[in-house]
Amino acid sequence: MAKFVLWGTYCEDALTRRTPFRQEHLDGLHRQHKEGVLLTIGPTEGSTHVFALYEADALAQVKALVEGDVYFREGIWSEVQVYPWIQAI
């Protein structure tokens, strides 16, 4: 399995705009974590950026998970990039 890093930004007023979608978002993240594909995810202080680490068979798998997330679909994440990641230590 390969590792992937996600780096993205939140939309303006994300803390307010995310409210109706928050539970669906968290439920999906918990499911991905339980399945072992999502290693960690969280916002930066101030909720301006999002960071995540995934472990999956392919980049396409991670992109499909990200694009299926309600925060992506509803524009709460305003920009998201996913890169293959080489863990040095």
Protein backbone atom coordinates (compact mmCIF):
# COMPACT_ATOMS: atom_id res chain seq x y z
CA MET A 1 0.00 0.00 0.00
CA ALA A 2 1.15 3.51 -0.78
CA LYS A 3 0.79 6.64 1.33
CA PHE A 4 -0.78 9.88 0.15
CA VAL A 5 -0.93 13.37 1.58
CA LEU A 6 -3.87 15.73 1.18
CA TRP A 7 -3.47 19.47 1.51
CA GLY A 8 -6.31 21.87 0.94
CA THR A 9 -8.03 25.09 1.89
CA TYR A 10 -11.37 25.91 3.42
CA CYS A 11 -13.87 28.34 1.95
CA GLU A 12 -14.62 31.69 3.54
CA ASP A 13 -16.83 31.32 6.62
CA ALA A 14 -16.22 27.56 6.65
CA LEU A 15 -17.08 27.14 10.33
CA THR A 16 -20.59 28.42 9.66
CA ARG A 17 -21.11 26.92 6.22
CA ARG A 18 -20.06 23.42 7.31
CA THR A 19 -22.73 23.13 10.03
CA PRO A 20 -25.44 21.27 8.07
CA PHE A 21 -22.87 18.84 6.64
CA ARG A 22 -20.64 18.25 9.66
CA GLN A 23 -22.11 14.97 10.91
CA GLU A 24 -22.10 13.36 7.46
CA HIS A 25 -18.48 14.50 7.03
CA LEU A 26 -17.36 13.10 10.40
CA ASP A 27 -19.23 9.82 9.88
CA GLY A 28 -17.45 9.30 6.57
CA LEU A 29 -14.05 10.11 8.07
CA HIS A 30 -14.61 7.70 10.97
CA ARG A 31 -15.59 4.98 8.49
CA GLN A 32 -12.44 5.58 6.40
CA HIS A 33 -10.28 5.55 9.54
CA LYS A 34 -11.86 2.31 10.78
CA GLU A 35 -11.20 0.74 7.35
CA GLY A 36 -7.55 1.78 7.65
CA VAL A 37 -7.40 4.02 4.58
CA LEU A 38 -7.44 7.34 6.48
CA LEU A 39 -4.54 7.63 8.90
CA THR A 40 -5.21 11.16 10.15
CA ILE A 41 -7.00 14.36 9.11
CA GLY A 42 -7.58 17.76 10.59
CA PRO A 43 -7.65 21.49 10.08
CA THR A 44 -4.89 23.95 10.80
CA GLU A 45 -5.45 26.32 13.69
CA GLY A 46 -7.95 28.86 12.46
CA SER A 47 -9.48 26.32 10.06
CA THR A 48 -7.89 27.81 6.96
CA HIS A 49 -6.29 24.59 5.65
CA VAL A 50 -6.91 20.86 5.88
CA PHE A 51 -4.23 18.16 6.07
CA ALA A 52 -4.64 14.39 5.83
CA LEU A 53 -2.64 11.21 5.39
CA TYR A 54 -4.07 8.21 3.59
CA GLU A 55 -2.83 4.69 2.93
CA ALA A 56 -4.35 3.12 -0.16
CA ASP A 57 -3.67 1.00 -3.23
CA ALA A 58 -3.82 3.91 -5.66
CA LEU A 59 -4.12 7.68 -5.96
CA ALA A 60 -7.45 7.23 -7.73
CA GLN A 61 -8.88 5.52 -4.64
CA VAL A 62 -7.95 8.47 -2.42
CA LYS A 63 -9.26 11.01 -4.92
CA ALA A 64 -12.58 9.15 -5.07
CA LEU A 65 -12.87 9.25 -1.27
CA VAL A 66 -12.07 12.96 -1.20
CA GLU A 67 -14.46 13.81 -4.03
CA GLY A 68 -17.17 11.78 -2.30
CA ASP A 69 -16.83 13.78 0.92
CA VAL A 70 -19.65 16.24 1.54
CA TYR A 71 -17.13 19.01 2.33
CA PHE A 72 -15.72 18.62 -1.19
CA ARG A 73 -19.13 18.35 -2.84
CA GLU A 74 -20.51 21.39 -1.02
CA GLY A 75 -17.41 23.56 -1.49
CA ILE A 76 -16.42 23.67 2.19
CA TRP A 77 -13.01 22.53 1.01
CA SER A 78 -12.34 25.19 -1.61
CA GLU A 79 -9.24 23.54 -3.04
CA VAL A 80 -7.81 20.08 -2.41
CA GLN A 81 -4.65 18.48 -3.73
CA VAL A 82 -3.57 14.87 -3.15
CA TYR A 83 0.00 13.71 -3.69
CA PRO A 84 1.80 10.38 -3.38
CA TRP A 85 3.95 10.66 -0.27
CA ILE A 86 7.23 9.02 0.64
CA GLN A 87 7.63 8.61 4.38
CA ALA A 88 11.28 9.21 5.23
CA ILE A 89 11.12 8.44 8.96
